[in-house]
Every structure is written in C-alpha cells, then in structure tokens.
Amino acid sequence: MTPADDRLIVALDVPNILDGLDLAARIGDAVSFYKIGLGMLTGGGLALANDLKQEHGKRIFLDLKLFDIGATIEAAVRGIAQYDLDFLTVQGDPQVVRAAKQGAAGTGLNILAVTVLTSLDRTDLDANLIRAGSVAEIAVERAALAFAAGADGVITSPQEAAAIRALPEAAGRLIVTPGIRPAGAATGDQKRIATPAKAVADGADHIVVGRPIWQAADPRAAAQAVVAELRGAQARPTSR
C-alpha cells in the first residue's frame, strides 16, 4: 500500500456532503488532505469540512477565493477560522490579503492568495480589461504583492511555480498548484496545466487534483498513483 502524502490535495468537487463523505470513504487512508470549494458550499461544504477534520483527522483546504471590502473579509475569515481548518483562499489583491490575515490572527489558518485562475489565458485577461503582459508575468507580480501583504502562500498555475519560488519574498511561503493532470488525463477546462512530478520539481509544496481522481473507476488507486509519482519526483532538482 502507498501511504498518504499531504502534498496531494484531492478536490472534493461533488454536489453535496453525502457524496463527499462517500468519496472520502472510498479513498480511505490513501489521502490525508482535501479541498472543498465554493460549488460545495450550499451542499453542506462547511459541515463536510468539519466532519473530515474533526472525525477523520484530515487536513482541509477551503477554496472560496473571497473578495470583498476589508471589513467583510476580516469578519468572514474570523468566522471560518473557528472551524480549525488549514488553508483558505482569497483573491490576491493586497488589501484583501491584509484583511484576511487580520481575520485569521491567532489561529492556524493559512491564507493563500489567488494569483491568476488556471482556467484563464491572455484572451480571457483581455476580455476582463487586465493590463497588457503575459499571464505568467502578471501571476508572478501578484504573488510578490500578496507575499508583501502577508499571505502565507499562493495558489497558482504550475507553469508559474518556478518563477514564484525564485522570488525572495517566497522564502518560507507555500505554493499550491491546481491544474494538475497525470499523464494521459483529460485537461477539462484547465488551460495552464502540468503533471504532478513537474509541479513539485518546479517548487510546489502541494498539488490539487480533482477529476482524475474522483472520476476514476477506483479513486483510491488513482490517488495512490499520483502519490507514487510525487515520490518519484523527490530526487529531481528544484528552484527552491
């Protein structure tokens, strides 16, 4: 048996708490870290997070990508921090990061700043009136600003992981990469992707894998295969 490796975070992108608990039971001790996103919030996402954390000893990444005025962000994060979770995402704008850090003060909740969503490319940025420059350049600049504002880490495409890890501000900070697809897996709606081994070799501390695991006929075996790939990448040089 391949034991769990908390560098792998499995995205529970399922409709409700019952499906989430069923999937976690099928995976069992092969995974120690789960991500619960905004799509699950109205299906009992916070209850699922609490159950997996308190009853099953799992680590939890709440991926809400919060964005609002400072006072609202601070209040929302303070409430979420009461659940004793591990990671929470907010948009990487410095004022949002600062407010989130204030809300999480005195707790173990790590605030991760979103740089540029992995589903976006330069055409999407143009449509959103984002300034000129490559996606990678903008992601790295936003990461530096987020670190300066106090972010514990960033969530970013694996294609930007090496450049962000090379930032002086990234020392001691977390890099979490979604958009991970094992060799041969469908890309889905992700546009900036990499394999698990490549992401870790480029400096990611954690990778997020969703559909290639929960859509697999045997999710436990699929998770174990990703962990095996991660462990095979340990000897590769990194930019860290």
Protein backbone atom coordinates (compact mmCIF):
# COMPACT_ATOMS: atom_id res chain seq x y z
CA MET A 1 0.00 0.00 0.00
CA THR A 2 1.17 3.52 -0.83
CA PRO A 3 0.64 5.67 2.32
CA ALA A 4 -0.87 9.14 2.19
CA ASP A 5 1.29 12.12 1.27
CA ASP A 6 -0.12 15.50 2.26
CA ARG A 7 1.47 17.16 -0.76
CA LEU A 8 -1.53 15.72 -2.62
CA ILE A 9 -4.76 17.62 -2.00
CA VAL A 10 -7.83 15.96 -3.52
CA ALA A 11 -10.59 18.32 -4.66
CA LEU A 12 -14.00 17.10 -3.50
CA ASP A 13 -15.83 18.67 -6.44
CA VAL A 14 -19.03 16.73 -5.77
CA PRO A 15 -22.59 18.06 -5.29
CA ASN A 16 -23.17 17.55 -1.57
CA ILE A 17 -21.91 16.34 1.79
CA LEU A 18 -23.17 12.78 1.30
CA ASP A 19 -21.27 12.37 -1.96
CA GLY A 20 -18.21 13.94 -0.33
CA LEU A 21 -18.26 11.56 2.62
CA ASP A 22 -18.81 8.60 0.29
CA LEU A 23 -15.84 9.60 -1.88
CA ALA A 24 -13.60 10.16 1.14
CA ALA A 25 -14.61 6.72 2.46
CA ARG A 26 -13.77 5.10 -0.88
CA ILE A 27 -10.34 6.75 -0.89
CA GLY A 28 -9.74 5.95 2.78
CA ASP A 29 -6.27 6.43 4.22
CA ALA A 30 -4.70 6.92 0.78
CA VAL A 31 -5.36 10.70 1.10
CA SER A 32 -4.85 12.97 4.12
CA PHE A 33 -5.74 16.40 2.63
CA TYR A 34 -8.95 17.51 0.90
CA LYS A 35 -10.11 20.68 -0.85
CA ILE A 36 -13.70 21.86 -0.56
CA GLY A 37 -14.68 24.60 -2.97
CA LEU A 38 -17.38 27.21 -3.45
CA GLY A 39 -19.54 24.85 -5.50
CA MET A 40 -19.99 22.61 -2.45
CA LEU A 41 -20.82 25.40 -0.02
CA THR A 42 -24.61 25.17 -0.39
CA GLY A 43 -24.39 21.36 -0.40
CA GLY A 44 -23.03 21.22 3.13
CA GLY A 45 -19.43 22.14 2.42
CA LEU A 46 -18.63 23.56 5.85
CA ALA A 47 -20.26 20.61 7.58
CA LEU A 48 -18.22 18.26 5.38
CA ALA A 49 -15.05 20.18 6.21
CA ASN A 50 -15.78 19.95 9.92
CA ASP A 51 -16.59 16.22 9.75
CA LEU A 52 -13.48 15.31 7.79
CA LYS A 53 -11.31 17.42 10.10
CA GLN A 54 -12.74 16.52 13.48
CA GLU A 55 -13.96 12.94 12.94
CA HIS A 56 -11.44 11.64 10.41
CA GLY A 57 -8.32 13.69 11.13
CA LYS A 58 -7.97 15.05 7.59
CA ARG A 59 -6.40 18.37 6.67
CA ILE A 60 -8.80 20.75 4.92
CA PHE A 61 -8.33 23.42 2.26
CA LEU A 62 -11.40 25.66 1.94
CA ASP A 63 -11.22 27.18 -1.54
CA LEU A 64 -13.63 30.13 -1.55
CA LYS A 65 -11.48 32.77 -3.33
CA LEU A 66 -13.03 35.51 -1.19
CA PHE A 67 -13.20 39.07 -2.47
CA ASP A 68 -14.97 41.98 -0.78
CA ILE A 69 -14.31 45.10 1.25
CA GLY A 70 -11.80 44.73 4.07
CA ALA A 71 -14.24 44.67 6.97
CA THR A 72 -16.33 41.95 5.34
CA ILE A 73 -13.29 39.82 4.50
CA GLU A 74 -11.95 40.13 8.04
CA ALA A 75 -15.31 39.12 9.55
CA ALA A 76 -15.78 36.20 7.14
CA VAL A 77 -12.30 34.83 7.76
CA ARG A 78 -12.68 35.19 11.52
CA GLY A 79 -15.81 33.06 11.33
CA ILE A 80 -14.18 30.44 9.09
CA ALA A 81 -11.13 30.25 11.36
CA GLN A 82 -13.36 28.86 14.12
CA TYR A 83 -13.59 25.60 12.15
CA ASP A 84 -9.87 24.89 12.74
CA LEU A 85 -9.19 24.38 9.03
CA ASP A 86 -5.79 24.51 7.35
CA PHE A 87 -5.92 26.58 4.13
CA LEU A 88 -8.29 29.28 2.86
CA THR A 89 -8.09 31.11 -0.46
CA VAL A 90 -8.78 34.81 -1.03
CA GLN A 91 -8.20 36.91 -4.11
CA GLY A 92 -4.60 38.10 -4.20
CA ASP A 93 -5.29 41.84 -4.05
CA PRO A 94 -3.13 43.21 -1.22
CA GLN A 95 -5.99 44.86 0.69
CA VAL A 96 -7.92 41.57 0.66
CA VAL A 97 -4.91 39.60 1.86
CA ARG A 98 -4.25 42.04 4.71
CA ALA A 99 -7.87 41.86 5.88
CA ALA A 100 -7.87 38.06 5.69
CA LYS A 101 -4.70 37.86 7.76
CA GLN A 102 -6.32 40.06 10.39
CA GLY A 103 -9.31 37.75 10.49
CA ALA A 104 -7.11 34.67 10.85
CA ALA A 105 -4.84 36.21 13.50
CA GLY A 106 -4.05 33.88 16.39
CA THR A 107 -5.22 30.76 14.56
CA GLY A 108 -3.55 28.10 12.44
CA LEU A 109 -5.46 29.04 9.29
CA ASN A 110 -3.11 29.70 6.36
CA ILE A 111 -4.24 32.39 3.92
CA LEU A 112 -3.49 31.56 0.29
CA ALA A 113 -3.73 34.31 -2.32
CA VAL A 114 -5.06 33.57 -5.80
CA THR A 115 -2.77 34.95 -8.50
CA VAL A 116 -4.49 34.21 -11.84
CA LEU A 117 -7.04 31.41 -12.19
CA THR A 118 -5.67 28.38 -14.03
CA SER A 119 -8.70 28.43 -16.35
CA LEU A 120 -7.67 31.85 -17.76
CA ASP A 121 -5.34 32.73 -20.62
CA ARG A 122 -4.34 36.05 -22.17
CA THR A 123 -7.55 36.23 -24.21
CA ASP A 124 -9.57 36.00 -21.01
CA LEU A 125 -7.47 38.71 -19.36
CA ASP A 126 -8.08 40.99 -22.35
CA ALA A 127 -11.83 40.42 -22.04
CA ASN A 128 -11.59 41.40 -18.35
CA LEU A 129 -9.60 44.57 -19.14
CA ILE A 130 -6.50 43.29 -17.32
CA ARG A 131 -3.37 45.21 -18.29
CA ALA A 132 -1.00 44.03 -21.01
CA GLY A 133 1.64 41.42 -20.24
CA SER A 134 1.87 37.66 -20.20
CA VAL A 135 -0.22 35.62 -17.79
CA ALA A 136 2.98 34.40 -16.16
CA GLU A 137 4.32 37.93 -15.59
CA ILE A 138 1.05 39.06 -14.02
CA ALA A 139 0.82 35.95 -11.82
CA VAL A 140 4.36 36.42 -10.50
CA GLU A 141 3.81 40.13 -9.81
CA ARG A 142 0.56 39.40 -7.98
CA ALA A 143 2.30 36.72 -5.94
CA ALA A 144 5.01 39.17 -4.85
CA LEU A 145 2.39 41.74 -3.84
CA ALA A 146 0.42 39.12 -1.92
CA PHE A 147 3.51 37.95 -0.04
CA ALA A 148 4.32 41.56 0.84
CA ALA A 149 0.77 41.90 2.22
CA GLY A 150 1.33 38.89 4.49
CA ALA A 151 -0.04 35.91 2.54
CA ASP A 152 1.09 32.56 3.89
CA GLY A 153 1.21 31.27 0.35
CA VAL A 154 -0.26 31.49 -3.12
CA ILE A 155 -2.35 29.28 -5.31
CA THR A 156 -1.09 29.48 -8.86
CA SER A 157 -0.70 27.59 -12.10
CA PRO A 158 2.19 25.08 -12.11
CA GLN A 159 3.56 26.96 -15.07
CA GLU A 160 4.37 29.92 -12.80
CA ALA A 161 5.52 27.90 -9.78
CA ALA A 162 9.25 28.02 -10.54
CA ALA A 163 9.28 31.79 -11.11
CA ILE A 164 7.30 32.42 -7.93
CA ARG A 165 9.51 30.09 -5.90
CA ALA A 166 12.53 32.11 -7.09
CA LEU A 167 11.11 35.33 -5.59
CA PRO A 168 12.96 36.49 -2.45
CA GLU A 169 9.55 37.10 -0.87
CA ALA A 170 8.61 33.42 -1.38
CA ALA A 171 11.09 32.13 1.21
CA GLY A 172 9.14 30.11 3.77
CA ARG A 173 5.84 30.61 1.92
CA LEU A 174 3.57 27.95 0.43
CA ILE A 175 2.94 27.36 -3.26
CA VAL A 176 -0.17 25.33 -4.06
CA THR A 177 -0.84 24.37 -7.67
CA PRO A 178 -4.18 23.32 -9.15
CA GLY A 179 -4.42 22.44 -12.84
CA ILE A 180 -2.61 19.15 -12.21
CA ARG A 181 -3.21 16.34 -14.66
CA PRO A 182 -1.41 12.98 -14.51
CA ALA A 183 -0.05 11.79 -17.86
CA GLY A 184 -2.89 10.79 -20.16
CA ALA A 185 -5.65 12.53 -18.17
CA ALA A 186 -8.14 14.86 -19.88
CA THR A 187 -7.41 18.59 -19.44
CA GLY A 188 -11.06 19.59 -18.94
CA ASP A 189 -11.49 23.35 -18.53
CA GLN A 190 -7.92 23.96 -17.36
CA LYS A 191 -5.60 25.83 -19.73
CA ARG A 192 -2.31 26.03 -17.76
CA ILE A 193 -1.55 22.53 -16.53
CA ALA A 194 1.34 20.22 -15.58
CA THR A 195 1.94 16.71 -14.28
CA PRO A 196 2.33 16.11 -10.52
CA ALA A 197 6.07 15.43 -10.85
CA LYS A 198 6.70 18.59 -12.88
CA ALA A 199 4.79 20.81 -10.43
CA VAL A 200 6.74 19.53 -7.43
CA ALA A 201 10.03 19.75 -9.30
CA ASP A 202 9.24 23.41 -10.02
CA GLY A 203 8.74 24.27 -6.37
CA ALA A 204 5.12 23.47 -5.48
CA ASP A 205 4.54 22.41 -1.86
CA HIS A 206 1.11 20.95 -2.60
CA ILE A 207 -0.77 19.96 -5.73
CA VAL A 208 -4.55 19.87 -6.18
CA VAL A 209 -6.06 17.02 -8.19
CA GLY A 210 -9.80 16.66 -8.74
CA ARG A 211 -11.43 14.93 -11.68
CA PRO A 212 -8.59 12.49 -12.48
CA ILE A 213 -9.20 11.02 -9.00
CA TRP A 214 -12.91 11.38 -8.25
CA GLN A 215 -13.99 10.44 -11.77
CA ALA A 216 -11.78 7.34 -11.76
CA ALA A 217 -13.37 3.90 -11.51
CA ASP A 218 -11.14 3.35 -8.45
CA PRO A 219 -10.44 6.74 -6.78
CA ARG A 220 -8.22 5.17 -4.14
CA ALA A 221 -5.95 3.58 -6.75
CA ALA A 222 -5.90 6.84 -8.75
CA ALA A 223 -4.80 8.78 -5.64
CA GLN A 224 -2.11 6.21 -4.87
CA ALA A 225 -0.78 6.52 -8.43
CA VAL A 226 -0.42 10.30 -8.00
CA VAL A 227 1.38 9.83 -4.68
CA ALA A 228 3.75 7.33 -6.29
CA GLU A 229 4.53 9.90 -9.00
CA LEU A 230 5.17 12.58 -6.37
CA ARG A 231 7.59 10.35 -4.51
CA GLY A 232 9.37 9.52 -7.72
CA ALA A 233 9.94 13.24 -8.24
CA GLN A 234 11.64 13.79 -4.86
CA ALA A 235 15.14 13.44 -6.24
CA ARG A 236 14.59 15.97 -9.03
CA PRO A 237 16.32 19.36 -8.71
CA THR A 238 14.03 22.25 -7.79
CA SER A 239 14.36 26.01 -7.87
CA ARG A 240 13.69 26.20 -4.15
